[in-house]
Amino acid sequence: MTWKQVFTSSIGKKLVMGFTGLFLILFLIIHAGLNACIWANDNGKMFLEGAHFMGGNWVPRILEIGLFAGLILHIVQGYLLTVQNKSKRSVGYAVDYGNQGSKWYSRSMGLLGTLVLLFLILHLANFWVPNRSNQGWLLGEEINLYEKMKTEFSVLWVVIAYVLGCIALGYHLAHGFKSAFRTYGVHNKRYFSMIKGIGYSFAVIVPLIFALMPLSFYFGWIE
């Protein structure tokens, strides 16, 4: 397969989607772990130390570039695959099997991905952009992200938007996790059943951690 086919063929797009998806899953694990530090209930000290390391260290900053590149590639290839699949199935099936054929979220990855994208834009606008604009690339003054979260998550519509975004992320992961492994040839029943179980657990636990953040601040569960 040539480099051009990697980005233009259906199989190539799926390979790129699988690779970037697994890369983003690793990022979600790190991000969820860092965010979980808010429940240390130490007025954000542990969380701010982790955030300072991630924002002020060269290695995470370089990886951040790769993260955004992978994210953009994942989004673009996802939309191209959705359009390509719809064009191939311009005429619907004679019988609609509904969830017996595939889960509704498997058939709605384009919509779920769009909702996750809107949630991501809101998240970046609220936290990443203000923090990075103050830090600069090398030097600058960091904002207190913990206090920023207190402010942002005191607004009801922001909390609701985050929770809905996390729900969309959960369903997106419920299909995407196992799909990424299947793309790379993991079809063995024994191992694939285990991966599905891990995937469903991941799709519940990680979005739940993210959703509990705004809820915890809004309802005063943490200082």
N, C-alpha and C. Protein backbone atom coordinates (compact mmCIF):
# COMPACT_ATOMS: atom_id res chain seq x y z
N MET A 1 0.84 -1.19 0.00
CA MET A 1 0.00 0.00 0.00
C MET A 1 0.89 1.26 0.00
N THR A 2 0.66 2.15 -0.97
CA THR A 2 1.44 3.37 -1.05
C THR A 2 0.95 4.39 -0.02
N TRP A 3 1.76 5.44 0.22
CA TRP A 3 1.37 6.49 1.16
C TRP A 3 0.08 7.17 0.71
N LYS A 4 -0.07 7.33 -0.61
CA LYS A 4 -1.28 7.96 -1.13
C LYS A 4 -2.50 7.10 -0.81
N GLN A 5 -2.38 5.78 -0.96
CA GLN A 5 -3.49 4.87 -0.68
C GLN A 5 -3.85 4.85 0.80
N VAL A 6 -2.86 5.11 1.67
CA VAL A 6 -3.12 5.14 3.11
C VAL A 6 -4.17 6.20 3.43
N PHE A 7 -4.12 7.31 2.69
CA PHE A 7 -5.02 8.43 2.98
C PHE A 7 -6.21 8.51 2.03
N THR A 8 -6.22 7.71 0.98
CA THR A 8 -7.30 7.82 0.00
C THR A 8 -8.17 6.56 -0.10
N SER A 9 -7.60 5.39 0.11
CA SER A 9 -8.38 4.16 -0.01
C SER A 9 -9.21 3.93 1.25
N SER A 10 -10.26 3.13 1.11
CA SER A 10 -11.12 2.84 2.25
C SER A 10 -10.36 2.12 3.35
N ILE A 11 -9.55 1.12 2.98
CA ILE A 11 -8.76 0.38 3.95
C ILE A 11 -7.74 1.30 4.62
N GLY A 12 -7.10 2.14 3.82
CA GLY A 12 -6.12 3.07 4.36
C GLY A 12 -6.74 4.03 5.37
N LYS A 13 -7.92 4.55 5.06
CA LYS A 13 -8.61 5.45 5.98
C LYS A 13 -8.93 4.75 7.30
N LYS A 14 -9.34 3.49 7.20
CA LYS A 14 -9.67 2.73 8.42
C LYS A 14 -8.42 2.48 9.26
N LEU A 15 -7.29 2.22 8.59
CA LEU A 15 -6.03 2.02 9.31
C LEU A 15 -5.62 3.30 10.04
N VAL A 16 -5.77 4.43 9.35
CA VAL A 16 -5.43 5.72 9.97
C VAL A 16 -6.38 6.01 11.13
N MET A 17 -7.67 5.74 10.92
CA MET A 17 -8.66 5.96 11.98
C MET A 17 -8.33 5.09 13.19
N GLY A 18 -7.95 3.84 12.95
CA GLY A 18 -7.63 2.94 14.05
C GLY A 18 -6.41 3.39 14.82
N PHE A 19 -5.35 3.77 14.09
CA PHE A 19 -4.11 4.20 14.74
C PHE A 19 -4.32 5.48 15.54
N THR A 20 -4.93 6.48 14.90
CA THR A 20 -5.14 7.75 15.61
C THR A 20 -6.12 7.57 16.76
N GLY A 21 -7.09 6.66 16.60
CA GLY A 21 -8.04 6.39 17.67
C GLY A 21 -7.36 5.82 18.90
N LEU A 22 -6.45 4.85 18.69
CA LEU A 22 -5.70 4.25 19.81
C LEU A 22 -4.80 5.28 20.47
N PHE A 23 -4.21 6.15 19.67
CA PHE A 23 -3.37 7.23 20.20
C PHE A 23 -4.19 8.17 21.07
N LEU A 24 -5.39 8.52 20.62
CA LEU A 24 -6.26 9.41 21.39
C LEU A 24 -6.78 8.73 22.66
N ILE A 25 -6.96 7.41 22.60
CA ILE A 25 -7.38 6.67 23.80
C ILE A 25 -6.30 6.75 24.87
N LEU A 26 -5.03 6.64 24.48
CA LEU A 26 -3.94 6.79 25.44
C LEU A 26 -3.95 8.19 26.06
N PHE A 27 -4.22 9.19 25.23
CA PHE A 27 -4.30 10.56 25.74
C PHE A 27 -5.43 10.69 26.76
N LEU A 28 -6.57 10.08 26.48
CA LEU A 28 -7.71 10.16 27.39
C LEU A 28 -7.37 9.55 28.75
N ILE A 29 -6.60 8.47 28.74
CA ILE A 29 -6.19 7.84 30.00
C ILE A 29 -5.35 8.81 30.83
N ILE A 30 -4.37 9.46 30.17
CA ILE A 30 -3.51 10.42 30.88
C ILE A 30 -4.32 11.61 31.37
N HIS A 31 -5.18 12.12 30.50
CA HIS A 31 -5.98 13.30 30.84
C HIS A 31 -6.94 13.00 31.99
N ALA A 32 -7.56 11.83 31.95
CA ALA A 32 -8.48 11.44 33.02
C ALA A 32 -7.73 11.27 34.34
N GLY A 33 -6.52 10.70 34.27
CA GLY A 33 -5.71 10.53 35.48
C GLY A 33 -5.33 11.86 36.10
N LEU A 34 -4.95 12.83 35.24
CA LEU A 34 -4.60 14.16 35.74
C LEU A 34 -5.82 14.85 36.34
N ASN A 35 -6.95 14.76 35.65
CA ASN A 35 -8.16 15.42 36.14
C ASN A 35 -8.65 14.81 37.46
N ALA A 36 -8.40 13.52 37.64
CA ALA A 36 -8.84 12.86 38.87
C ALA A 36 -8.15 13.43 40.11
N CYS A 37 -7.04 14.15 39.91
CA CYS A 37 -6.32 14.75 41.03
C CYS A 37 -7.16 15.81 41.76
N ILE A 38 -8.21 16.31 41.12
CA ILE A 38 -9.03 17.32 41.79
C ILE A 38 -9.73 16.73 43.02
N TRP A 39 -9.90 15.42 43.05
CA TRP A 39 -10.58 14.79 44.18
C TRP A 39 -9.64 14.50 45.36
N ALA A 40 -8.40 14.99 45.25
CA ALA A 40 -7.50 14.92 46.40
C ALA A 40 -7.99 15.88 47.49
N ASN A 41 -8.87 16.81 47.08
CA ASN A 41 -9.50 17.76 48.01
C ASN A 41 -8.43 18.57 48.77
N ASP A 42 -7.40 18.99 48.03
CA ASP A 42 -6.31 19.78 48.62
C ASP A 42 -6.28 21.18 48.02
N ASN A 43 -7.47 21.64 47.63
CA ASN A 43 -7.63 22.96 46.99
C ASN A 43 -6.86 23.04 45.66
N GLY A 44 -6.75 21.90 44.99
CA GLY A 44 -6.18 21.86 43.65
C GLY A 44 -4.67 21.76 43.58
N LYS A 45 -3.99 21.57 44.71
CA LYS A 45 -2.53 21.56 44.71
C LYS A 45 -1.96 20.45 43.83
N MET A 46 -2.43 19.22 44.02
CA MET A 46 -1.91 18.10 43.23
C MET A 46 -2.24 18.27 41.75
N PHE A 47 -3.46 18.71 41.47
CA PHE A 47 -3.88 18.92 40.08
C PHE A 47 -3.02 19.99 39.41
N LEU A 48 -2.78 21.10 40.10
CA LEU A 48 -2.00 22.20 39.52
C LEU A 48 -0.55 21.80 39.28
N GLU A 49 0.00 20.96 40.13
CA GLU A 49 1.37 20.47 39.91
C GLU A 49 1.43 19.64 38.63
N GLY A 50 0.43 18.77 38.45
CA GLY A 50 0.37 17.96 37.23
C GLY A 50 0.15 18.81 36.00
N ALA A 51 -0.74 19.81 36.11
CA ALA A 51 -1.03 20.69 34.99
C ALA A 51 0.19 21.53 34.62
N HIS A 52 0.96 21.95 35.64
CA HIS A 52 2.17 22.73 35.38
C HIS A 52 3.19 21.88 34.63
N PHE A 53 3.34 20.62 35.03
CA PHE A 53 4.27 19.73 34.33
C PHE A 53 3.85 19.54 32.88
N MET A 54 2.57 19.30 32.65
CA MET A 54 2.08 19.07 31.29
C MET A 54 2.19 20.32 30.42
N GLY A 55 2.02 21.50 31.04
CA GLY A 55 2.05 22.73 30.26
C GLY A 55 3.42 23.36 30.13
N GLY A 56 4.32 23.08 31.08
CA GLY A 56 5.60 23.76 31.07
C GLY A 56 6.78 22.90 30.69
N ASN A 57 6.57 21.60 30.46
CA ASN A 57 7.66 20.69 30.12
C ASN A 57 7.71 20.50 28.60
N TRP A 58 8.94 20.43 28.08
CA TRP A 58 9.10 20.32 26.62
C TRP A 58 8.50 19.04 26.04
N VAL A 59 8.67 17.93 26.73
CA VAL A 59 8.20 16.65 26.16
C VAL A 59 6.69 16.64 25.95
N PRO A 60 5.88 16.96 26.98
CA PRO A 60 4.43 17.01 26.74
C PRO A 60 4.02 18.03 25.69
N ARG A 61 4.77 19.14 25.62
CA ARG A 61 4.42 20.17 24.63
C ARG A 61 4.65 19.68 23.20
N ILE A 62 5.73 18.91 23.01
CA ILE A 62 5.99 18.33 21.68
C ILE A 62 4.94 17.27 21.35
N LEU A 63 4.64 16.43 22.36
CA LEU A 63 3.61 15.41 22.16
C LEU A 63 2.25 16.05 21.87
N GLU A 64 2.05 17.25 22.40
CA GLU A 64 0.80 17.97 22.17
C GLU A 64 0.59 18.26 20.69
N ILE A 65 1.69 18.57 20.00
CA ILE A 65 1.62 18.81 18.56
C ILE A 65 1.15 17.54 17.85
N GLY A 66 1.75 16.41 18.24
CA GLY A 66 1.33 15.13 17.66
C GLY A 66 -0.11 14.81 17.98
N LEU A 67 -0.55 15.20 19.19
CA LEU A 67 -1.93 14.96 19.59
C LEU A 67 -2.89 15.71 18.69
N PHE A 68 -2.61 16.99 18.45
CA PHE A 68 -3.49 17.78 17.60
C PHE A 68 -3.47 17.27 16.15
N ALA A 69 -2.29 16.87 15.68
CA ALA A 69 -2.19 16.32 14.32
C ALA A 69 -3.02 15.05 14.21
N GLY A 70 -2.90 14.17 15.23
CA GLY A 70 -3.67 12.93 15.23
C GLY A 70 -5.16 13.19 15.33
N LEU A 71 -5.53 14.19 16.12
CA LEU A 71 -6.94 14.52 16.29
C LEU A 71 -7.55 15.03 14.98
N ILE A 72 -6.84 15.94 14.33
CA ILE A 72 -7.32 16.49 13.05
C ILE A 72 -7.43 15.38 12.01
N LEU A 73 -6.41 14.52 11.96
CA LEU A 73 -6.43 13.42 11.00
C LEU A 73 -7.58 12.47 11.28
N HIS A 74 -7.83 12.19 12.56
CA HIS A 74 -8.93 11.31 12.97
C HIS A 74 -10.27 11.89 12.53
N ILE A 75 -10.45 13.19 12.74
CA ILE A 75 -11.71 13.85 12.37
C ILE A 75 -11.91 13.84 10.86
N VAL A 76 -10.87 14.23 10.12
CA VAL A 76 -10.98 14.33 8.66
C VAL A 76 -11.26 12.95 8.06
N GLN A 77 -10.47 11.95 8.46
CA GLN A 77 -10.67 10.61 7.92
C GLN A 77 -12.03 10.04 8.32
N GLY A 78 -12.47 10.37 9.52
CA GLY A 78 -13.78 9.90 9.97
C GLY A 78 -14.90 10.43 9.11
N TYR A 79 -14.86 11.72 8.82
CA TYR A 79 -15.89 12.32 7.97
C TYR A 79 -15.82 11.79 6.55
N LEU A 80 -14.60 11.61 6.04
CA LEU A 80 -14.46 11.07 4.68
C LEU A 80 -15.01 9.65 4.60
N LEU A 81 -14.76 8.84 5.62
CA LEU A 81 -15.29 7.47 5.65
C LEU A 81 -16.81 7.47 5.73
N THR A 82 -17.36 8.38 6.54
CA THR A 82 -18.82 8.48 6.67
C THR A 82 -19.47 8.84 5.34
N VAL A 83 -18.90 9.83 4.67
CA VAL A 83 -19.43 10.25 3.36
C VAL A 83 -19.29 9.12 2.35
N GLN A 84 -18.12 8.46 2.36
CA GLN A 84 -17.87 7.36 1.43
C GLN A 84 -18.84 6.21 1.65
N ASN A 85 -19.08 5.86 2.90
CA ASN A 85 -20.01 4.76 3.20
C ASN A 85 -21.44 5.10 2.81
N LYS A 86 -21.84 6.35 3.03
CA LYS A 86 -23.19 6.76 2.66
C LYS A 86 -23.38 6.76 1.15
N SER A 87 -22.34 7.16 0.42
CA SER A 87 -22.44 7.19 -1.03
C SER A 87 -22.55 5.79 -1.61
N LYS A 88 -21.93 4.81 -0.94
CA LYS A 88 -22.01 3.42 -1.40
C LYS A 88 -23.36 2.79 -1.07
N ARG A 89 -24.04 3.37 -0.05
CA ARG A 89 -25.34 2.83 0.34
C ARG A 89 -26.43 3.87 0.14
N SER A 90 -26.43 4.46 -1.07
CA SER A 90 -27.43 5.49 -1.37
C SER A 90 -28.84 4.91 -1.35
N VAL A 91 -28.95 3.59 -1.64
CA VAL A 91 -30.24 2.91 -1.56
C VAL A 91 -30.24 2.09 -0.28
N GLY A 92 -31.22 2.30 0.58
CA GLY A 92 -31.28 1.62 1.87
C GLY A 92 -31.54 0.14 1.73
N TYR A 93 -31.33 -0.57 2.83
CA TYR A 93 -31.60 -2.01 2.83
C TYR A 93 -33.10 -2.27 2.76
N ALA A 94 -33.46 -3.41 2.15
CA ALA A 94 -34.89 -3.75 2.01
C ALA A 94 -35.51 -3.98 3.38
N VAL A 95 -34.73 -4.55 4.30
CA VAL A 95 -35.21 -4.81 5.65
C VAL A 95 -34.31 -4.08 6.64
N ASP A 96 -34.92 -3.31 7.52
CA ASP A 96 -34.17 -2.59 8.54
C ASP A 96 -34.10 -3.46 9.80
N TYR A 97 -32.91 -4.00 10.09
CA TYR A 97 -32.76 -4.90 11.22
C TYR A 97 -32.54 -4.16 12.54
N GLY A 98 -32.33 -2.83 12.46
CA GLY A 98 -32.16 -2.04 13.68
C GLY A 98 -30.98 -2.54 14.50
N ASN A 99 -31.17 -2.65 15.81
CA ASN A 99 -30.09 -3.06 16.71
C ASN A 99 -29.72 -4.53 16.57
N GLN A 100 -30.54 -5.33 15.86
CA GLN A 100 -30.18 -6.72 15.64
C GLN A 100 -29.00 -6.82 14.68
N GLY A 101 -28.91 -5.87 13.75
CA GLY A 101 -27.78 -5.86 12.81
C GLY A 101 -26.56 -5.20 13.40
N SER A 102 -26.75 -4.04 14.02
CA SER A 102 -25.67 -3.31 14.67
C SER A 102 -26.28 -2.32 15.65
N LYS A 103 -25.51 -1.95 16.66
CA LYS A 103 -26.00 -1.00 17.64
C LYS A 103 -26.19 0.36 17.00
N TRP A 104 -27.15 1.14 17.55
CA TRP A 104 -27.43 2.45 16.96
C TRP A 104 -26.21 3.36 16.99
N TYR A 105 -25.37 3.24 18.03
CA TYR A 105 -24.21 4.12 18.11
C TYR A 105 -23.14 3.72 17.10
N SER A 106 -23.15 2.44 16.67
CA SER A 106 -22.23 2.03 15.62
C SER A 106 -22.63 2.66 14.29
N ARG A 107 -23.94 2.86 14.11
CA ARG A 107 -24.43 3.46 12.87
C ARG A 107 -24.43 4.98 12.94
N SER A 108 -24.09 5.54 14.09
CA SER A 108 -24.17 7.00 14.28
C SER A 108 -22.84 7.60 14.67
N MET A 109 -21.74 6.99 14.24
CA MET A 109 -20.43 7.47 14.63
C MET A 109 -20.14 8.88 14.10
N GLY A 110 -20.67 9.20 12.93
CA GLY A 110 -20.49 10.55 12.39
C GLY A 110 -21.15 11.60 13.27
N LEU A 111 -22.40 11.33 13.68
CA LEU A 111 -23.13 12.26 14.55
C LEU A 111 -22.46 12.36 15.91
N LEU A 112 -22.11 11.21 16.50
CA LEU A 112 -21.46 11.22 17.81
C LEU A 112 -20.12 11.94 17.75
N GLY A 113 -19.38 11.71 16.67
CA GLY A 113 -18.10 12.37 16.49
C GLY A 113 -18.26 13.89 16.40
N THR A 114 -19.33 14.34 15.74
CA THR A 114 -19.60 15.77 15.63
C THR A 114 -19.91 16.37 17.00
N LEU A 115 -20.71 15.66 17.80
CA LEU A 115 -21.03 16.13 19.15
C LEU A 115 -19.78 16.19 20.02
N VAL A 116 -18.92 15.19 19.89
CA VAL A 116 -17.67 15.19 20.65
C VAL A 116 -16.78 16.35 20.20
N LEU A 117 -16.77 16.63 18.90
CA LEU A 117 -15.98 17.75 18.37
C LEU A 117 -16.46 19.08 18.94
N LEU A 118 -17.78 19.28 19.00
CA LEU A 118 -18.33 20.52 19.57
C LEU A 118 -17.96 20.63 21.05
N PHE A 119 -18.03 19.50 21.75
CA PHE A 119 -17.64 19.47 23.17
C PHE A 119 -16.15 19.82 23.31
N LEU A 120 -15.32 19.30 22.42
CA LEU A 120 -13.88 19.56 22.47
C LEU A 120 -13.59 21.04 22.22
N ILE A 121 -14.31 21.64 21.26
CA ILE A 121 -14.12 23.07 20.97
C ILE A 121 -14.44 23.91 22.20
N LEU A 122 -15.54 23.56 22.88
CA LEU A 122 -15.92 24.27 24.11
C LEU A 122 -14.85 24.11 25.18
N HIS A 123 -14.34 22.89 25.32
CA HIS A 123 -13.32 22.61 26.33
C HIS A 123 -12.03 23.37 26.04
N LEU A 124 -11.60 23.38 24.79
CA LEU A 124 -10.38 24.10 24.42
C LEU A 124 -10.54 25.60 24.63
N ALA A 125 -11.71 26.11 24.27
CA ALA A 125 -11.96 27.55 24.44
C ALA A 125 -11.97 27.95 25.91
N ASN A 126 -12.48 27.07 26.76
CA ASN A 126 -12.58 27.38 28.19
C ASN A 126 -11.26 27.26 28.94
N PHE A 127 -10.43 26.29 28.53
CA PHE A 127 -9.25 26.00 29.35
C PHE A 127 -7.93 26.06 28.58
N TRP A 128 -7.83 25.31 27.47
CA TRP A 128 -6.54 25.21 26.79
C TRP A 128 -6.09 26.55 26.21
N VAL A 129 -6.98 27.24 25.51
CA VAL A 129 -6.60 28.51 24.88
C VAL A 129 -6.20 29.57 25.91
N PRO A 130 -7.00 29.81 26.96
CA PRO A 130 -6.58 30.82 27.96
C PRO A 130 -5.25 30.46 28.62
N ASN A 131 -5.03 29.17 28.90
CA ASN A 131 -3.80 28.77 29.57
C ASN A 131 -2.60 28.90 28.66
N ARG A 132 -2.72 28.43 27.43
CA ARG A 132 -1.59 28.49 26.51
C ARG A 132 -1.30 29.93 26.07
N SER A 133 -2.32 30.76 25.94
CA SER A 133 -2.09 32.14 25.52
C SER A 133 -1.34 32.91 26.60
N ASN A 134 -1.51 32.51 27.85
CA ASN A 134 -0.76 33.14 28.95
C ASN A 134 0.64 32.56 29.09
N GLN A 135 0.76 31.27 28.85
CA GLN A 135 2.06 30.63 29.01
C GLN A 135 3.03 31.00 27.89
N GLY A 136 2.50 31.15 26.68
CA GLY A 136 3.40 31.28 25.55
C GLY A 136 4.05 29.94 25.28
N TRP A 137 4.97 29.88 24.34
CA TRP A 137 5.62 28.61 24.01
C TRP A 137 6.70 28.25 25.02
N LEU A 138 7.45 29.26 25.49
CA LEU A 138 8.52 28.98 26.44
C LEU A 138 8.27 29.60 27.81
N LEU A 139 7.96 30.89 27.82
CA LEU A 139 7.82 31.61 29.08
C LEU A 139 6.44 32.25 29.16
N GLY A 140 6.06 32.63 30.34
CA GLY A 140 4.78 33.30 30.52
C GLY A 140 4.18 32.97 31.86
N GLU A 141 3.01 33.48 32.10
CA GLU A 141 2.34 33.29 33.38
C GLU A 141 1.19 32.32 33.22
N GLU A 142 1.21 31.24 34.00
CA GLU A 142 0.14 30.26 33.94
C GLU A 142 -1.10 30.77 34.67
N ILE A 143 -2.25 30.38 34.18
CA ILE A 143 -3.46 30.67 34.92
C ILE A 143 -3.71 29.54 35.92
N ASN A 144 -4.49 29.82 36.92
CA ASN A 144 -4.85 28.80 37.90
C ASN A 144 -6.03 28.01 37.34
N LEU A 145 -5.71 26.86 36.75
CA LEU A 145 -6.74 26.06 36.09
C LEU A 145 -7.79 25.55 37.07
N TYR A 146 -7.40 25.33 38.29
CA TYR A 146 -8.34 24.86 39.31
C TYR A 146 -9.40 25.93 39.59
N GLU A 147 -8.95 27.17 39.77
CA GLU A 147 -9.89 28.28 39.98
C GLU A 147 -10.72 28.53 38.73
N LYS A 148 -10.09 28.33 37.57
CA LYS A 148 -10.81 28.49 36.29
C LYS A 148 -11.94 27.47 36.20
N MET A 149 -11.68 26.24 36.64
CA MET A 149 -12.72 25.22 36.64
C MET A 149 -13.86 25.59 37.58
N LYS A 150 -13.51 26.12 38.75
CA LYS A 150 -14.53 26.56 39.69
C LYS A 150 -15.46 27.59 39.05
N THR A 151 -14.86 28.52 38.31
CA THR A 151 -15.63 29.58 37.66
C THR A 151 -16.50 29.03 36.53
N GLU A 152 -15.89 28.26 35.63
CA GLU A 152 -16.62 27.75 34.46
C GLU A 152 -17.73 26.80 34.87
N PHE A 153 -17.45 25.95 35.86
CA PHE A 153 -18.42 24.92 36.25
C PHE A 153 -19.41 25.40 37.32
N SER A 154 -19.47 26.70 37.49
CA SER A 154 -20.53 27.27 38.32
C SER A 154 -21.72 27.69 37.46
N VAL A 155 -21.54 27.58 36.14
CA VAL A 155 -22.58 27.96 35.17
C VAL A 155 -23.32 26.69 34.73
N LEU A 156 -24.63 26.66 34.91
CA LEU A 156 -25.40 25.44 34.68
C LEU A 156 -25.31 24.95 33.24
N TRP A 157 -25.43 25.85 32.26
CA TRP A 157 -25.45 25.38 30.86
C TRP A 157 -24.10 24.77 30.46
N VAL A 158 -23.00 25.27 31.05
CA VAL A 158 -21.69 24.71 30.77
C VAL A 158 -21.60 23.29 31.33
N VAL A 159 -22.11 23.11 32.54
CA VAL A 159 -22.11 21.78 33.18
C VAL A 159 -22.94 20.81 32.34
N ILE A 160 -24.12 21.23 31.91
CA ILE A 160 -24.98 20.37 31.09
C ILE A 160 -24.29 20.02 29.78
N ALA A 161 -23.65 21.01 29.14
CA ALA A 161 -22.96 20.77 27.87
C ALA A 161 -21.83 19.76 28.04
N TYR A 162 -21.10 19.86 29.16
CA TYR A 162 -20.01 18.92 29.42
C TYR A 162 -20.54 17.51 29.65
N VAL A 163 -21.60 17.39 30.41
CA VAL A 163 -22.16 16.07 30.69
C VAL A 163 -22.67 15.42 29.40
N LEU A 164 -23.38 16.20 28.58
CA LEU A 164 -23.87 15.67 27.30
C LEU A 164 -22.71 15.30 26.39
N GLY A 165 -21.65 16.11 26.40
CA GLY A 165 -20.47 15.80 25.59
C GLY A 165 -19.81 14.51 26.04
N CYS A 166 -19.79 14.29 27.35
CA CYS A 166 -19.19 13.05 27.89
C CYS A 166 -20.04 11.82 27.55
N ILE A 167 -21.35 11.99 27.52
CA ILE A 167 -22.23 10.89 27.12
C ILE A 167 -21.97 10.51 25.66
N ALA A 168 -21.85 11.54 24.80
CA ALA A 168 -21.54 11.30 23.39
C ALA A 168 -20.18 10.63 23.24
N LEU A 169 -19.21 11.07 24.04
CA LEU A 169 -17.87 10.45 24.01
C LEU A 169 -17.94 8.98 24.41
N GLY A 170 -18.75 8.67 25.43
CA GLY A 170 -18.89 7.29 25.88
C GLY A 170 -19.41 6.38 24.79
N TYR A 171 -20.46 6.80 24.10
CA TYR A 171 -21.01 5.98 23.01
C TYR A 171 -20.04 5.89 21.85
N HIS A 172 -19.32 6.99 21.58
CA HIS A 172 -18.33 6.98 20.51
C HIS A 172 -17.23 5.96 20.81
N LEU A 173 -16.79 5.92 22.06
CA LEU A 173 -15.75 4.97 22.47
C LEU A 173 -16.27 3.53 22.49
N ALA A 174 -17.55 3.35 22.81
CA ALA A 174 -18.13 2.01 22.91
C ALA A 174 -17.97 1.25 21.59
N HIS A 175 -18.06 1.98 20.48
CA HIS A 175 -17.84 1.35 19.18
C HIS A 175 -16.38 1.48 18.74
N GLY A 176 -15.80 2.67 18.95
CA GLY A 176 -14.47 2.96 18.40
C GLY A 176 -13.36 2.12 19.00
N PHE A 177 -13.44 1.80 20.30
CA PHE A 177 -12.38 1.05 20.97
C PHE A 177 -12.18 -0.31 20.32
N LYS A 178 -13.25 -1.10 20.25
CA LYS A 178 -13.12 -2.44 19.68
C LYS A 178 -12.90 -2.39 18.17
N SER A 179 -13.46 -1.35 17.52
CA SER A 179 -13.31 -1.22 16.08
C SER A 179 -11.85 -0.99 15.69
N ALA A 180 -11.13 -0.22 16.52
CA ALA A 180 -9.72 0.05 16.23
C ALA A 180 -8.90 -1.23 16.25
N PHE A 181 -9.16 -2.10 17.23
CA PHE A 181 -8.42 -3.37 17.31
C PHE A 181 -8.81 -4.31 16.17
N ARG A 182 -10.10 -4.30 15.81
CA ARG A 182 -10.54 -5.16 14.72
C ARG A 182 -9.90 -4.74 13.40
N THR A 183 -9.71 -3.43 13.22
CA THR A 183 -9.07 -2.92 12.01
C THR A 183 -7.66 -3.49 11.84
N TYR A 184 -6.98 -3.71 12.97
CA TYR A 184 -5.61 -4.22 12.92
C TYR A 184 -5.54 -5.74 13.08
N GLY A 185 -6.67 -6.41 12.81
CA GLY A 185 -6.65 -7.86 12.68
C GLY A 185 -6.92 -8.67 13.91
N VAL A 186 -7.40 -8.04 14.99
CA VAL A 186 -7.72 -8.80 16.20
C VAL A 186 -9.14 -9.36 16.06
N HIS A 187 -9.23 -10.58 15.51
CA HIS A 187 -10.54 -11.19 15.26
C HIS A 187 -10.77 -12.44 16.11
N ASN A 188 -9.72 -12.93 16.74
CA ASN A 188 -9.84 -14.13 17.55
C ASN A 188 -10.94 -13.96 18.59
N LYS A 189 -11.88 -14.91 18.64
CA LYS A 189 -13.05 -14.78 19.52
C LYS A 189 -12.67 -14.57 20.97
N ARG A 190 -11.70 -15.33 21.41
CA ARG A 190 -11.29 -15.27 22.82
C ARG A 190 -10.77 -13.88 23.18
N TYR A 191 -9.82 -13.37 22.38
CA TYR A 191 -9.21 -12.09 22.69
C TYR A 191 -10.13 -10.93 22.35
N PHE A 192 -10.91 -11.08 21.29
CA PHE A 192 -11.79 -9.98 20.90
C PHE A 192 -12.89 -9.78 21.93
N SER A 193 -13.37 -10.85 22.54
CA SER A 193 -14.38 -10.72 23.60
C SER A 193 -13.80 -9.97 24.79
N MET A 194 -12.53 -10.25 25.10
CA MET A 194 -11.87 -9.53 26.19
C MET A 194 -11.71 -8.06 25.85
N ILE A 195 -11.32 -7.77 24.61
CA ILE A 195 -11.15 -6.38 24.18
C ILE A 195 -12.48 -5.63 24.22
N LYS A 196 -13.55 -6.32 23.81
CA LYS A 196 -14.87 -5.69 23.87
C LYS A 196 -15.24 -5.33 25.31
N GLY A 197 -14.95 -6.25 26.23
CA GLY A 197 -15.24 -5.98 27.64
C GLY A 197 -14.44 -4.81 28.17
N ILE A 198 -13.14 -4.77 27.82
CA ILE A 198 -12.30 -3.66 28.24
C ILE A 198 -12.80 -2.36 27.61
N GLY A 199 -13.18 -2.45 26.34
CA GLY A 199 -13.67 -1.27 25.62
C GLY A 199 -14.93 -0.68 26.24
N TYR A 200 -15.88 -1.55 26.58
CA TYR A 200 -17.11 -1.06 27.20
C TYR A 200 -16.84 -0.46 28.57
N SER A 201 -15.92 -1.08 29.32
CA SER A 201 -15.56 -0.54 30.64
C SER A 201 -14.90 0.82 30.48
N PHE A 202 -14.00 0.92 29.51
CA PHE A 202 -13.31 2.18 29.24
C PHE A 202 -14.31 3.26 28.83
N ALA A 203 -15.29 2.87 28.00
CA ALA A 203 -16.29 3.81 27.49
C ALA A 203 -17.21 4.32 28.59
N VAL A 204 -17.26 3.62 29.70
CA VAL A 204 -18.07 4.07 30.85
C VAL A 204 -17.22 4.85 31.84
N ILE A 205 -16.06 4.30 32.21
CA ILE A 205 -15.25 4.87 33.30
C ILE A 205 -14.65 6.22 32.94
N VAL A 206 -14.01 6.31 31.77
CA VAL A 206 -13.32 7.55 31.41
C VAL A 206 -14.30 8.72 31.20
N PRO A 207 -15.37 8.56 30.40
CA PRO A 207 -16.32 9.67 30.29
C PRO A 207 -16.98 10.01 31.63
N LEU A 208 -17.17 8.99 32.50
CA LEU A 208 -17.76 9.26 33.81
C LEU A 208 -16.84 10.15 34.65
N ILE A 209 -15.52 9.90 34.59
CA ILE A 209 -14.57 10.75 35.30
C ILE A 209 -14.66 12.19 34.80
N PHE A 210 -14.71 12.34 33.48
CA PHE A 210 -14.81 13.69 32.91
C PHE A 210 -16.13 14.37 33.30
N ALA A 211 -17.22 13.61 33.29
CA ALA A 211 -18.53 14.18 33.61
C ALA A 211 -18.64 14.57 35.08
N LEU A 212 -17.98 13.79 35.95
CA LEU A 212 -18.05 14.07 37.39
C LEU A 212 -17.29 15.34 37.77
N MET A 213 -16.37 15.78 36.92
CA MET A 213 -15.62 17.00 37.22
C MET A 213 -16.54 18.22 37.33
N PRO A 214 -17.28 18.57 36.27
CA PRO A 214 -18.17 19.73 36.39
C PRO A 214 -19.25 19.54 37.44
N LEU A 215 -19.75 18.31 37.57
CA LEU A 215 -20.78 18.05 38.58
C LEU A 215 -20.23 18.25 39.99
N SER A 216 -18.99 17.83 40.21
CA SER A 216 -18.38 17.98 41.53
C SER A 216 -18.21 19.43 41.92
N PHE A 217 -17.80 20.27 40.96
CA PHE A 217 -17.66 21.69 41.26
C PHE A 217 -19.02 22.37 41.42
N TYR A 218 -19.95 22.01 40.54
CA TYR A 218 -21.25 22.69 40.57
C TYR A 218 -22.01 22.39 41.86
N PHE A 219 -21.95 21.15 42.32
CA PHE A 219 -22.70 20.77 43.52
C PHE A 219 -21.87 20.88 44.81
N GLY A 220 -20.62 21.36 44.67
CA GLY A 220 -19.80 21.60 45.85
C GLY A 220 -19.32 20.34 46.52
N TRP A 221 -19.08 19.27 45.77
CA TRP A 221 -18.60 18.02 46.35
C TRP A 221 -17.11 18.10 46.71
N ILE A 222 -16.40 19.08 46.12
CA ILE A 222 -14.98 19.28 46.44
C ILE A 222 -14.79 20.75 46.79
N GLU A 223 -13.66 21.06 47.44
CA GLU A 223 -13.40 22.43 47.86
C GLU A 223 -13.06 23.30 46.67
